[in-house]
C-alpha cells in the first residue's frame, strides 16, 4: 500500500511539473509573438539552414541588457517574463536568426 501511495505521489509531482513547463512555454510564446513583439525582428526557425542555437542563459543576458541595436528589456519585462521568453526560444528554436541582420551592420 505504501508503495502505491509513493508511486501516486511521484506521478502527481511529475504531472504538475509538466503543466508548469507547458504554462511557461505558453507564456514565453505569448511574449515572443505578442507582448514584446520579438517576432518583428527575430525568427526562430530560419529557412536558410543556419544553425544558431542560443542557450537560455545567453538569451536572458541579451534580453535583459540588450545587444547591438537591440535595446534592453529589463525595464519593460519582469524577470519572470524574460525567463519565460528565454525558455520558449531555447526550447522551440532550431535556427535562431535576426531578420534585421541584412540591414544593420
Protein backbone atom coordinates (compact mmCIF):
# COMPACT_ATOMS: atom_id res chain seq x y z
CA UNK A 1 0.00 0.00 0.00
CA UNK A 2 2.84 2.38 0.89
CA UNK A 3 4.48 1.66 -2.47
CA UNK A 4 1.30 2.55 -4.35
CA UNK A 5 0.97 5.82 -2.44
CA UNK A 6 4.61 6.72 -3.18
CA UNK A 7 4.15 5.96 -6.87
CA UNK A 8 0.99 8.06 -6.91
CA UNK A 9 2.80 10.98 -5.24
CA UNK A 10 5.64 10.79 -7.78
CA UNK A 11 3.15 10.67 -10.66
CA UNK A 12 1.27 13.70 -9.32
CA UNK A 13 4.51 15.67 -8.88
CA UNK A 14 5.61 14.94 -12.46
CA UNK A 15 2.17 15.89 -13.75
CA UNK A 16 2.34 19.28 -12.02
CA UNK A 17 5.89 19.85 -13.26
CA UNK A 18 4.78 19.15 -16.84
CA UNK A 19 1.83 21.50 -16.56
CA UNK A 20 4.09 24.16 -15.13
CA UNK A 21 6.58 23.72 -18.00
CA UNK A 22 3.73 23.96 -20.53
CA UNK A 23 2.47 27.14 -18.89
CA UNK A 24 5.95 28.68 -19.00
CA UNK A 25 6.30 27.82 -22.70
CA UNK A 26 2.86 29.26 -23.46
CA UNK A 27 3.70 32.47 -21.59
CA UNK A 28 7.02 32.71 -23.45
CA UNK A 29 5.25 32.23 -26.77
CA UNK A 30 2.74 34.96 -25.93
CA UNK A 31 5.56 37.35 -25.07
CA UNK A 32 7.56 36.47 -28.20
CA UNK A 33 4.65 36.92 -30.61
CA UNK A 34 2.61 39.49 -28.73
CA UNK A 35 3.53 41.49 -25.66
CA UNK A 36 7.08 42.39 -26.72
CA UNK A 37 6.80 41.82 -30.46
CA UNK A 38 10.10 39.91 -30.57
CA UNK A 39 8.95 38.27 -33.81
CA UNK A 40 9.04 41.66 -35.57
CA UNK A 41 12.83 41.42 -35.61
CA UNK A 42 13.63 37.76 -34.90
CA UNK A 43 12.89 34.38 -36.47
CA UNK A 44 13.02 31.15 -34.50
CA UNK A 45 13.45 28.80 -37.44
CA UNK A 46 15.26 30.48 -40.31
CA UNK A 47 14.81 28.82 -43.68
CA UNK A 48 18.40 29.45 -44.76
CA UNK A 49 19.67 26.47 -42.81
CA UNK A 50 21.68 28.44 -40.28
CA UNK A 51 22.19 26.58 -37.00
CA UNK A 52 22.43 29.29 -34.36
CA UNK A 53 21.09 27.74 -31.21
CA UNK A 54 21.06 30.02 -28.19
CA UNK A 55 21.01 28.70 -24.67
CA UNK A 56 18.63 30.12 -22.08
CA UNK A 57 21.36 31.87 -20.09
CA UNK A 58 22.57 33.82 -23.15
CA UNK A 59 19.02 34.75 -24.17
CA UNK A 60 18.31 36.10 -20.67
CA UNK A 61 21.51 38.17 -20.82
CA UNK A 62 20.67 39.64 -24.25
CA UNK A 63 17.01 40.36 -23.46
CA UNK A 64 17.87 41.90 -20.09
CA UNK A 65 20.81 44.09 -21.14
CA UNK A 66 20.36 44.42 -24.90
CA UNK A 67 22.93 43.66 -27.60
CA UNK A 68 23.97 45.68 -30.62
CA UNK A 69 20.91 47.59 -31.85
CA UNK A 70 18.56 45.55 -29.66
CA UNK A 71 17.51 47.56 -26.61
CA UNK A 72 17.49 46.21 -23.07
CA UNK A 73 14.13 44.92 -21.85
CA UNK A 74 14.92 44.87 -18.11
CA UNK A 75 12.63 47.86 -17.56
CA UNK A 76 9.93 46.54 -19.92
CA UNK A 77 9.61 42.88 -18.92
CA UNK A 78 9.69 41.30 -15.48
CA UNK A 79 12.38 38.75 -14.65
CA UNK A 80 9.66 36.09 -14.85
CA UNK A 81 8.66 37.27 -18.35
CA UNK A 82 12.28 37.32 -19.53
CA UNK A 83 12.82 33.81 -18.18
CA UNK A 84 9.62 32.59 -19.87
CA UNK A 85 10.53 34.00 -23.28
CA UNK A 86 14.11 32.67 -22.93
CA UNK A 87 12.74 29.23 -22.09
CA UNK A 88 10.43 29.37 -25.11
CA UNK A 89 13.18 30.45 -27.51
CA UNK A 90 15.69 27.89 -26.21
CA UNK A 91 13.15 25.05 -26.46
CA UNK A 92 11.49 25.71 -29.83
CA UNK A 93 14.19 27.45 -31.87
CA UNK A 94 16.10 25.31 -34.33
CA UNK A 95 17.91 28.12 -36.12
CA UNK A 96 17.68 31.50 -34.41
CA UNK A 97 18.09 34.48 -36.71
CA UNK A 98 17.78 38.24 -36.62
CA UNK A 99 15.59 39.46 -39.50
CA UNK A 100 17.42 42.79 -39.49
CA UNK A 101 20.91 41.33 -39.89
CA UNK A 102 20.86 42.06 -43.62
CA UNK A 103 20.15 45.74 -42.99
CA UNK A 104 22.00 46.55 -39.77
CA UNK A 105 25.78 46.28 -39.79
